[in-house]
Structures are given as C-alpha cells and as structure tokens.
Amino acid sequence: MARWDAAACRPNTASKPIFAFYQGAHSFNGFRGLFMDVIHRAVFGPGQAGQDAAKRCDCARAPECCVNASSGVAYFHSGSHWLPTTPLGFKATIEWMQRSRFCLCPPGDVPYNKRYFTALLAGCVPVVFSFRSQLGPSERNWWKPLKGPGQRDVDPFYKQINHSKLAVEVFVDERDQAGSIEHFLHDLRHVPDAVIEAKQRAIERVRHLLLYDMTGTREDAFTCALRQLLHMLPTRAQRERGLAPVDLKTRLE
C-alpha cells in the first residue's frame, strides 16, 4: 500500500508498445535466478553472445538498449542484491509499466511482492508465479513451493479484493521449476486481448483501495483496514451468545 497520485490509469487496451517489463536483481529465492535466465535470453540472446550484449548495454543511460524489439520484452537488471540501485528512477519505472502489457513479478525474499502493487497502481497487468503451498494441494502461494502461507494470507484485504482477477498466474511444478517457466513468455502471447482488458478494468475498479486518500473523499486502504477490523470484532450480542462474527458483507450492510 502506498500514498500515490490517484490519476486515472492509462486506457484499458491490450495494445501496448512493450509486451513485458521487468526491473530487478537476483534474490535469495532460487526461483528468481531461473526466471532471470529466461528473461535475459529473451532480451539479449543465449550463450556468451547474450552475456556480451548485456555487458555492452547501459540501461540507465540508454533504456532502449534493454528492450528487445523483436520480442517486446524489457529487462532492466539491478547489479547487486545488496545495493539494488535500479537503472530506471521511480518515475521512469512507472512510465515504463504504464506502457507495458504485462509487468513480470517473480517472487523474492519475502512472501509479499512490492513490485506487484506498483504494477497495479500503474495499471499494468501483473504476471505472478504460483506454487503449491505447504498447507495442502488446494492452497497456492506466489512465493515458494511447499513453503510459506497460502496466498490469501498474504494479499491485503482478500475478502474485499479478488487478486486472482487482477493478475495472470503462471503455475509452477515444484518438481521441474525451470521446465515450468521455459516457455512462459510464449504462453503469455496466447492470453486473449479480452482477458487482458478485463483484468485492466478490474485493476482500475480496485486500485484506489491500495492507496491512502488524504482528502477523505472516497474509500481507500484505511477504509479496507477498518472493515477488516470490524470483521474480526464480534458484536455485543454475539459476545453474549458466544457466536462468531458474521460474514463481512452482511456486517457492513
């Protein structure tokens, strides 16, 4: 959640000049390295020639150098996990996200993903990677296979915002993580325009709930936090009867 300029998102259209955008560094999450290998090849090419091309490219001074004109993939690599100075400043990052059809949000060191929320606020459809949770085969998370909480325990206000309607999920088999994502960029090209635009509209409907509206003129993240607290607190009658709180929607009506 963030304080943000609540200007309208860019027009809801699948026709964007950039196919997929990613900016970031390696992390201690091993899956991130597999993901970055795929992105690196898509932008700079495979093998030593790709490594040499990446070294010649100064993304901070010449951002277009980090975009593959053929694949439409933009990859801005932060050189160090410990000193993650990004090639693009914050304002430029938002502008690139707004120009992109997809914003790639691989998992990092912790269950929540700041990049995911930045993408939503920029009106860009996030692409997340879904793993089977340790809680059971029916529970998924966007962090690590067989570890961590279920995703609904990570997403803010999950009773009020259906995050699965906002993002594109890439399902990862923990037995073959590299194989699961080898062709994920190709698969994204087959997501219908109508699906992308539906997700853009869904993002636009809820993005204000991830902001703090300092004017107090509309519902915002603070409103959602209060709703969540109300849901957790039983009414006086419920306490006297020993009953659990009623459903959130019923309580607020």
C-alpha atoms as a PDB file:
ATOM      1  CA  MET A   1       0.000   0.000   0.000  1.00  0.00           C
ATOM      2  CA  ALA A   2       1.242   3.463  -0.734  1.00  0.00           C
ATOM      3  CA  ARG A   3       0.397   7.109  -0.939  1.00  0.00           C
ATOM      4  CA  TRP A   4       0.018   7.754  -4.628  1.00  0.00           C
ATOM      5  CA  ASP A   5      -1.119  10.197  -7.256  1.00  0.00           C
ATOM      6  CA  ALA A   6      -4.561   8.755  -7.954  1.00  0.00           C
ATOM      7  CA  ALA A   7      -4.676   9.880 -11.582  1.00  0.00           C
ATOM      8  CA  ALA A   8      -6.569   7.565 -13.899  1.00  0.00           C
ATOM      9  CA  CYS A   9      -4.836   4.546 -15.367  1.00  0.00           C
ATOM     10  CA  ARG A  10      -3.840   4.603 -18.987  1.00  0.00           C
ATOM     11  CA  PRO A  11      -6.636   3.494 -21.377  1.00  0.00           C
ATOM     12  CA  ASN A  12      -7.673  -0.125 -20.904  1.00  0.00           C
ATOM     13  CA  THR A  13      -6.242  -1.684 -24.020  1.00  0.00           C
ATOM     14  CA  ALA A  14      -4.154  -4.757 -24.711  1.00  0.00           C
ATOM     15  CA  SER A  15      -2.295  -2.802 -27.395  1.00  0.00           C
ATOM     16  CA  LYS A  16       0.767  -1.515 -25.540  1.00  0.00           C
ATOM     17  CA  PRO A  17       4.203  -0.775 -27.052  1.00  0.00           C
ATOM     18  CA  ILE A  18       6.011  -3.043 -24.546  1.00  0.00           C
ATOM     19  CA  PHE A  19       4.959  -6.682 -24.265  1.00  0.00           C
ATOM     20  CA  ALA A  20       6.514  -7.451 -20.866  1.00  0.00           C
ATOM     21  CA  PHE A  21       8.510  -5.327 -18.395  1.00  0.00           C
ATOM     22  CA  TYR A  22      10.825  -6.391 -15.586  1.00  0.00           C
ATOM     23  CA  GLN A  23      13.273  -4.458 -13.427  1.00  0.00           C
ATOM     24  CA  GLY A  24      15.091  -6.067 -10.524  1.00  0.00           C
ATOM     25  CA  ALA A  25      18.012  -8.055  -9.183  1.00  0.00           C
ATOM     26  CA  HIS A  26      18.787 -11.584  -8.080  1.00  0.00           C
ATOM     27  CA  SER A  27      17.470 -12.609  -4.659  1.00  0.00           C
ATOM     28  CA  PHE A  28      17.932 -15.456  -2.205  1.00  0.00           C
ATOM     29  CA  ASN A  29      14.841 -17.067  -3.683  1.00  0.00           C
ATOM     30  CA  GLY A  30      16.340 -19.632  -6.043  1.00  0.00           C
ATOM     31  CA  PHE A  31      13.406 -19.430  -8.424  1.00  0.00           C
ATOM     32  CA  ARG A  32      14.272 -15.794  -9.219  1.00  0.00           C
ATOM     33  CA  GLY A  33      17.518 -16.920 -10.859  1.00  0.00           C
ATOM     34  CA  LEU A  34      15.665 -19.356 -13.143  1.00  0.00           C
ATOM     35  CA  PHE A  35      13.247 -16.600 -14.072  1.00  0.00           C
ATOM     36  CA  MET A  36      16.007 -14.094 -14.839  1.00  0.00           C
ATOM     37  CA  ASP A  37      17.771 -16.592 -17.095  1.00  0.00           C
ATOM     38  CA  VAL A  38      14.640 -16.804 -19.234  1.00  0.00           C
ATOM     39  CA  ILE A  39      14.246 -13.014 -19.374  1.00  0.00           C
ATOM     40  CA  HIS A  40      17.935 -12.479 -20.140  1.00  0.00           C
ATOM     41  CA  ARG A  41      17.765 -14.820 -23.141  1.00  0.00           C
ATOM     42  CA  ALA A  42      14.578 -13.155 -24.399  1.00  0.00           C
ATOM     43  CA  VAL A  43      16.251  -9.727 -24.420  1.00  0.00           C
ATOM     44  CA  PHE A  44      19.949 -10.297 -25.092  1.00  0.00           C
ATOM     45  CA  GLY A  45      20.029 -13.777 -26.616  1.00  0.00           C
ATOM     46  CA  PRO A  46      21.516 -17.088 -25.397  1.00  0.00           C
ATOM     47  CA  GLY A  47      25.038 -18.098 -24.523  1.00  0.00           C
ATOM     48  CA  GLN A  48      28.175 -15.999 -24.451  1.00  0.00           C
ATOM     49  CA  ALA A  49      26.907 -13.676 -27.161  1.00  0.00           C
ATOM     50  CA  GLY A  50      23.983 -12.771 -24.918  1.00  0.00           C
ATOM     51  CA  GLN A  51      26.280 -12.186 -21.951  1.00  0.00           C
ATOM     52  CA  ASP A  52      28.497  -9.912 -24.041  1.00  0.00           C
ATOM     53  CA  ALA A  53      25.489  -7.972 -25.359  1.00  0.00           C
ATOM     54  CA  ALA A  54      24.240  -7.383 -21.821  1.00  0.00           C
ATOM     55  CA  LYS A  55      27.643  -6.087 -20.696  1.00  0.00           C
ATOM     56  CA  ARG A  56      27.728  -3.554 -23.538  1.00  0.00           C
ATOM     57  CA  CYS A  57      24.275  -2.229 -22.626  1.00  0.00           C
ATOM     58  CA  ASP A  58      23.962   0.675 -20.163  1.00  0.00           C
ATOM     59  CA  CYS A  59      20.263   0.585 -19.313  1.00  0.00           C
ATOM     60  CA  ALA A  60      20.424   3.727 -17.180  1.00  0.00           C
ATOM     61  CA  ARG A  61      21.841   5.916 -19.960  1.00  0.00           C
ATOM     62  CA  ALA A  62      20.200   4.189 -22.929  1.00  0.00           C
ATOM     63  CA  PRO A  63      16.998   2.424 -21.751  1.00  0.00           C
ATOM     64  CA  GLU A  64      16.041   1.272 -25.244  1.00  0.00           C
ATOM     65  CA  CYS A  65      19.184  -0.852 -25.222  1.00  0.00           C
ATOM     66  CA  CYS A  66      17.441  -3.095 -22.684  1.00  0.00           C
ATOM     67  CA  VAL A  67      14.396  -3.737 -24.868  1.00  0.00           C
ATOM     68  CA  ASN A  68      14.338  -6.469 -27.473  1.00  0.00           C
ATOM     69  CA  ALA A  69      12.492  -5.009 -30.454  1.00  0.00           C
ATOM     70  CA  SER A  70      11.545  -8.463 -31.717  1.00  0.00           C
ATOM     71  CA  SER A  71      10.177  -9.991 -28.505  1.00  0.00           C
ATOM     72  CA  GLY A  72       8.953  -6.723 -26.980  1.00  0.00           C
ATOM     73  CA  VAL A  73      10.479  -7.692 -23.630  1.00  0.00           C
ATOM     74  CA  ALA A  74      12.140  -5.014 -21.472  1.00  0.00           C
ATOM     75  CA  TYR A  75      14.693  -6.150 -18.870  1.00  0.00           C
ATOM     76  CA  PHE A  76      16.406  -3.658 -16.539  1.00  0.00           C
ATOM     77  CA  HIS A  77      18.804  -5.512 -14.273  1.00  0.00           C
ATOM     78  CA  SER A  78      19.900  -4.103 -10.917  1.00  0.00           C
ATOM     79  CA  GLY A  79      23.524  -5.079 -10.499  1.00  0.00           C
ATOM     80  CA  SER A  80      23.518  -6.005  -6.812  1.00  0.00           C
ATOM     81  CA  HIS A  81      21.046  -7.615  -4.442  1.00  0.00           C
ATOM     82  CA  TRP A  82      22.646  -5.738  -1.554  1.00  0.00           C
ATOM     83  CA  LEU A  83      22.750  -2.356  -3.314  1.00  0.00           C
ATOM     84  CA  PRO A  84      19.750  -2.624  -5.650  1.00  0.00           C
ATOM     85  CA  THR A  85      20.039   0.725  -7.397  1.00  0.00           C
ATOM     86  CA  THR A  86      17.684   0.370 -10.325  1.00  0.00           C
ATOM     87  CA  PRO A  87      18.650   1.612 -13.799  1.00  0.00           C
ATOM     88  CA  LEU A  88      15.330   3.484 -14.004  1.00  0.00           C
ATOM     89  CA  GLY A  89      14.246   6.017 -11.416  1.00  0.00           C
ATOM     90  CA  PHE A  90      10.854   5.681  -9.759  1.00  0.00           C
ATOM     91  CA  LYS A  91       9.009   7.999 -12.134  1.00  0.00           C
ATOM     92  CA  ALA A  92      10.539   6.363 -15.198  1.00  0.00           C
ATOM     93  CA  THR A  93       9.708   2.912 -13.834  1.00  0.00           C
ATOM     94  CA  ILE A  94       6.033   3.849 -13.549  1.00  0.00           C
ATOM     95  CA  GLU A  95       6.034   5.266 -17.076  1.00  0.00           C
ATOM     96  CA  TRP A  96       7.543   2.053 -18.471  1.00  0.00           C
ATOM     97  CA  MET A  97       5.000  -0.034 -16.564  1.00  0.00           C
ATOM     98  CA  GLN A  98       2.167   2.056 -17.984  1.00  0.00           C
ATOM     99  CA  ARG A  99       3.488   1.368 -21.470  1.00  0.00           C
ATOM    100  CA  SER A 100       3.586  -2.395 -20.864  1.00  0.00           C
ATOM    101  CA  ARG A 101       1.002  -5.102 -21.448  1.00  0.00           C
ATOM    102  CA  PHE A 102       2.452  -7.256 -18.647  1.00  0.00           C
ATOM    103  CA  CYS A 103       4.589  -6.467 -15.609  1.00  0.00           C
ATOM    104  CA  LEU A 104       6.558  -9.519 -14.511  1.00  0.00           C
ATOM    105  CA  CYS A 105       6.522 -10.094 -10.740  1.00  0.00           C
ATOM    106  CA  PRO A 106       8.742 -13.033  -9.776  1.00  0.00           C
ATOM    107  CA  PRO A 107       8.946 -13.964  -6.085  1.00  0.00           C
ATOM    108  CA  GLY A 108      11.652 -12.541  -3.853  1.00  0.00           C
ATOM    109  CA  ASP A 109      12.972 -12.886  -0.321  1.00  0.00           C
ATOM    110  CA  VAL A 110       9.619 -12.476   1.446  1.00  0.00           C
ATOM    111  CA  PRO A 111       6.030 -13.603   0.694  1.00  0.00           C
ATOM    112  CA  TYR A 112       4.700 -10.185  -0.284  1.00  0.00           C
ATOM    113  CA  ASN A 113       5.836  -8.537  -3.503  1.00  0.00           C
ATOM    114  CA  LYS A 114       6.150  -4.739  -3.708  1.00  0.00           C
ATOM    115  CA  ARG A 115       6.551  -4.934  -7.481  1.00  0.00           C
ATOM    116  CA  TYR A 116       3.078  -6.467  -7.721  1.00  0.00           C
ATOM    117  CA  PHE A 117       1.434  -3.489  -6.018  1.00  0.00           C
ATOM    118  CA  THR A 118       3.435  -0.980  -8.058  1.00  0.00           C
ATOM    119  CA  ALA A 119       2.203  -2.702 -11.217  1.00  0.00           C
ATOM    120  CA  LEU A 120      -1.412  -2.492 -10.040  1.00  0.00           C
ATOM    121  CA  LEU A 121      -1.111   1.183  -9.221  1.00  0.00           C
ATOM    122  CA  ALA A 122       0.427   1.804 -12.643  1.00  0.00           C
ATOM    123  CA  GLY A 123      -2.457  -0.032 -14.329  1.00  0.00           C
ATOM    124  CA  CYS A 124      -0.207  -2.836 -15.622  1.00  0.00           C
ATOM    125  CA  VAL A 125      -1.362  -6.475 -15.510  1.00  0.00           C
ATOM    126  CA  PRO A 126       0.963  -8.363 -13.111  1.00  0.00           C
ATOM    127  CA  VAL A 127       2.311 -11.785 -14.029  1.00  0.00           C
ATOM    128  CA  VAL A 128       2.861 -13.888 -10.895  1.00  0.00           C
ATOM    129  CA  PHE A 129       4.224 -17.373 -10.380  1.00  0.00           C
ATOM    130  CA  SER A 130       2.005 -19.772  -8.465  1.00  0.00           C
ATOM    131  CA  PHE A 131       3.364 -22.613  -6.320  1.00  0.00           C
ATOM    132  CA  ARG A 132       1.688 -25.322  -4.282  1.00  0.00           C
ATOM    133  CA  SER A 133       1.632 -24.208  -0.644  1.00  0.00           C
ATOM    134  CA  GLN A 134       2.707 -26.260   2.339  1.00  0.00           C
ATOM    135  CA  LEU A 135      -0.905 -26.010   3.536  1.00  0.00           C
ATOM    136  CA  GLY A 136      -2.130 -28.565   1.027  1.00  0.00           C
ATOM    137  CA  PRO A 137      -2.684 -29.250  -2.686  1.00  0.00           C
ATOM    138  CA  SER A 138      -5.601 -26.825  -2.936  1.00  0.00           C
ATOM    139  CA  GLU A 139      -3.641 -23.889  -1.460  1.00  0.00           C
ATOM    140  CA  ARG A 140      -1.337 -21.837  -3.661  1.00  0.00           C
ATOM    141  CA  ASN A 141       1.128 -19.039  -2.982  1.00  0.00           C
ATOM    142  CA  TRP A 142       3.160 -16.680  -5.124  1.00  0.00           C
ATOM    143  CA  TRP A 143       6.388 -17.111  -3.158  1.00  0.00           C
ATOM    144  CA  LYS A 144       7.944 -20.571  -2.778  1.00  0.00           C
ATOM    145  CA  PRO A 145       6.935 -24.179  -3.449  1.00  0.00           C
ATOM    146  CA  LEU A 146       5.704 -26.075  -0.380  1.00  0.00           C
ATOM    147  CA  LYS A 147       6.629 -23.191   1.922  1.00  0.00           C
ATOM    148  CA  GLY A 148       5.013 -20.149   3.417  1.00  0.00           C
ATOM    149  CA  PRO A 149       1.356 -19.263   3.899  1.00  0.00           C
ATOM    150  CA  GLY A 150      -1.472 -19.535   1.424  1.00  0.00           C
ATOM    151  CA  GLN A 151      -1.791 -16.538  -0.864  1.00  0.00           C
ATOM    152  CA  ARG A 152      -4.967 -15.281   0.782  1.00  0.00           C
ATOM    153  CA  ASP A 153      -2.970 -14.822   3.990  1.00  0.00           C
ATOM    154  CA  VAL A 154      -0.552 -12.544   2.118  1.00  0.00           C
ATOM    155  CA  ASP A 155      -2.817 -10.487  -0.139  1.00  0.00           C
ATOM    156  CA  PRO A 156      -4.202  -7.406   1.604  1.00  0.00           C
ATOM    157  CA  PHE A 157      -7.970  -7.243   2.045  1.00  0.00           C
ATOM    158  CA  TYR A 158      -8.522 -10.561   0.288  1.00  0.00           C
ATOM    159  CA  LYS A 159     -12.182 -10.580   1.388  1.00  0.00           C
ATOM    160  CA  GLN A 160     -12.658  -7.291  -0.438  1.00  0.00           C
ATOM    161  CA  ILE A 161     -10.259  -7.646  -3.395  1.00  0.00           C
ATOM    162  CA  ASN A 162     -10.091 -10.773  -5.543  1.00  0.00           C
ATOM    163  CA  HIS A 163      -6.433 -10.635  -6.512  1.00  0.00           C
ATOM    164  CA  SER A 164      -6.704 -13.626  -8.854  1.00  0.00           C
ATOM    165  CA  LYS A 165      -8.870 -11.463 -11.140  1.00  0.00           C
ATOM    166  CA  LEU A 166      -6.127  -8.844 -11.366  1.00  0.00           C
ATOM    167  CA  ALA A 167      -3.099 -10.954 -12.271  1.00  0.00           C
ATOM    168  CA  VAL A 168      -2.068 -13.652 -14.728  1.00  0.00           C
ATOM    169  CA  GLU A 169      -0.831 -16.722 -12.861  1.00  0.00           C
ATOM    170  CA  VAL A 170       1.912 -18.963 -14.210  1.00  0.00           C
ATOM    171  CA  PHE A 171       1.605 -22.323 -12.465  1.00  0.00           C
ATOM    172  CA  VAL A 172       4.946 -23.825 -11.470  1.00  0.00           C
ATOM    173  CA  ASP A 173       5.579 -27.525 -10.851  1.00  0.00           C
ATOM    174  CA  GLU A 174       7.960 -27.735  -7.891  1.00  0.00           C
ATOM    175  CA  ARG A 175       9.466 -30.911  -9.401  1.00  0.00           C
ATOM    176  CA  ASP A 176      10.583 -29.051 -12.552  1.00  0.00           C
ATOM    177  CA  GLN A 177      10.657 -25.323 -11.910  1.00  0.00           C
ATOM    178  CA  ALA A 178      12.931 -24.492 -14.831  1.00  0.00           C
ATOM    179  CA  GLY A 179      10.846 -26.517 -17.264  1.00  0.00           C
ATOM    180  CA  SER A 180       7.635 -24.953 -15.981  1.00  0.00           C
ATOM    181  CA  ILE A 181       8.691 -21.452 -16.998  1.00  0.00           C
ATOM    182  CA  GLU A 182      10.912 -22.142 -20.002  1.00  0.00           C
ATOM    183  CA  HIS A 183       8.176 -21.031 -22.397  1.00  0.00           C
ATOM    184  CA  PHE A 184       6.060 -18.802 -20.167  1.00  0.00           C
ATOM    185  CA  LEU A 185       6.664 -15.707 -22.322  1.00  0.00           C
ATOM    186  CA  HIS A 186       5.406 -17.603 -25.357  1.00  0.00           C
ATOM    187  CA  ASP A 187       2.356 -18.716 -23.380  1.00  0.00           C
ATOM    188  CA  LEU A 188       1.598 -15.118 -22.381  1.00  0.00           C
ATOM    189  CA  ARG A 189       1.262 -14.224 -26.053  1.00  0.00           C
ATOM    190  CA  HIS A 190      -1.750 -16.519 -26.236  1.00  0.00           C
ATOM    191  CA  VAL A 191      -3.667 -14.728 -23.486  1.00  0.00           C
ATOM    192  CA  PRO A 192      -6.634 -13.189 -25.357  1.00  0.00           C
ATOM    193  CA  ASP A 193      -6.896  -9.415 -25.579  1.00  0.00           C
ATOM    194  CA  ALA A 194     -10.351  -9.619 -23.991  1.00  0.00           C
ATOM    195  CA  VAL A 195      -8.867 -11.288 -20.897  1.00  0.00           C
ATOM    196  CA  ILE A 196      -6.149  -8.647 -20.594  1.00  0.00           C
ATOM    197  CA  GLU A 197      -8.605  -5.795 -20.923  1.00  0.00           C
ATOM    198  CA  ALA A 198     -10.951  -7.395 -18.368  1.00  0.00           C
ATOM    199  CA  LYS A 199      -8.072  -7.531 -15.899  1.00  0.00           C
ATOM    200  CA  GLN A 200      -7.175  -3.908 -16.661  1.00  0.00           C
ATOM    201  CA  ARG A 201     -10.757  -2.896 -15.874  1.00  0.00           C
ATOM    202  CA  ALA A 202     -10.707  -4.957 -12.681  1.00  0.00           C
ATOM    203  CA  ILE A 203      -7.475  -3.235 -11.615  1.00  0.00           C
ATOM    204  CA  GLU A 204      -8.972   0.168 -12.292  1.00  0.00           C
ATOM    205  CA  ARG A 205     -12.002  -0.666 -10.127  1.00  0.00           C
ATOM    206  CA  VAL A 206      -9.957  -1.554  -7.031  1.00  0.00           C
ATOM    207  CA  ARG A 207      -6.632   0.302  -7.262  1.00  0.00           C
ATOM    208  CA  HIS A 208      -7.911   3.138  -5.054  1.00  0.00           C
ATOM    209  CA  LEU A 209      -8.299   0.573  -2.252  1.00  0.00           C
ATOM    210  CA  LEU A 210      -4.493   0.218  -2.198  1.00  0.00           C
ATOM    211  CA  LEU A 211      -3.996   3.965  -1.776  1.00  0.00           C
ATOM    212  CA  TYR A 212      -4.387   6.393   1.127  1.00  0.00           C
ATOM    213  CA  ASP A 213      -6.761   9.147   0.039  1.00  0.00           C
ATOM    214  CA  MET A 214      -5.680  12.123   2.130  1.00  0.00           C
ATOM    215  CA  THR A 215      -8.777  14.093   1.097  1.00  0.00           C
ATOM    216  CA  GLY A 216     -11.148  11.575   2.656  1.00  0.00           C
ATOM    217  CA  THR A 217     -13.492  11.765  -0.314  1.00  0.00           C
ATOM    218  CA  ARG A 218     -13.541   8.074  -1.285  1.00  0.00           C
ATOM    219  CA  GLU A 219     -12.895   4.617   0.105  1.00  0.00           C
ATOM    220  CA  ASP A 220      -9.213   3.778   0.398  1.00  0.00           C
ATOM    221  CA  ALA A 221      -6.760   1.439   2.131  1.00  0.00           C
ATOM    222  CA  PHE A 222      -7.702   2.873   5.526  1.00  0.00           C
ATOM    223  CA  THR A 223     -11.351   2.074   4.815  1.00  0.00           C
ATOM    224  CA  CYS A 224     -10.426  -1.517   3.995  1.00  0.00           C
ATOM    225  CA  ALA A 225      -8.351  -1.815   7.172  1.00  0.00           C
ATOM    226  CA  LEU A 226     -11.311  -0.646   9.267  1.00  0.00           C
ATOM    227  CA  ARG A 227     -13.592  -3.115   7.514  1.00  0.00           C
ATOM    228  CA  GLN A 228     -11.171  -5.898   8.290  1.00  0.00           C
ATOM    229  CA  LEU A 229     -11.098  -4.896  11.959  1.00  0.00           C
ATOM    230  CA  LEU A 230     -14.899  -4.819  12.063  1.00  0.00           C
ATOM    231  CA  HIS A 231     -14.961  -8.303  10.645  1.00  0.00           C
ATOM    232  CA  MET A 232     -12.636  -9.531  13.380  1.00  0.00           C
ATOM    233  CA  LEU A 233     -14.578  -7.953  16.255  1.00  0.00           C
ATOM    234  CA  PRO A 234     -17.796  -9.682  17.361  1.00  0.00           C
ATOM    235  CA  THR A 235     -20.822  -7.559  18.207  1.00  0.00           C
ATOM    236  CA  ARG A 236     -22.068  -7.254  21.789  1.00  0.00           C
ATOM    237  CA  ALA A 237     -24.932  -9.636  21.030  1.00  0.00           C
ATOM    238  CA  GLN A 238     -22.527 -12.162  19.562  1.00  0.00           C
ATOM    239  CA  ARG A 239     -20.264 -11.962  22.603  1.00  0.00           C
ATOM    240  CA  GLU A 240     -23.224 -12.567  24.902  1.00  0.00           C
ATOM    241  CA  ARG A 241     -24.326 -15.558  22.844  1.00  0.00           C
ATOM    242  CA  GLY A 242     -20.812 -16.857  22.256  1.00  0.00           C
ATOM    243  CA  LEU A 243     -21.216 -16.622  18.475  1.00  0.00           C
ATOM    244  CA  ALA A 244     -18.556 -15.972  15.847  1.00  0.00           C
ATOM    245  CA  PRO A 245     -18.576 -12.704  13.836  1.00  0.00           C
ATOM    246  CA  VAL A 246     -20.953 -12.653  10.900  1.00  0.00           C
ATOM    247  CA  ASP A 247     -19.789 -12.501   7.303  1.00  0.00           C
ATOM    248  CA  LEU A 248     -18.035  -9.241   6.362  1.00  0.00           C
ATOM    249  CA  LYS A 249     -20.549  -8.285   3.674  1.00  0.00           C
ATOM    250  CA  THR A 250     -23.509  -8.908   6.000  1.00  0.00           C
ATOM    251  CA  ARG A 251     -21.884  -6.908   8.791  1.00  0.00           C
ATOM    252  CA  LEU A 252     -21.345  -3.865   6.595  1.00  0.00           C
ATOM    253  CA  GLU A 253     -24.867  -3.737   5.137  1.00  0.00           C
END
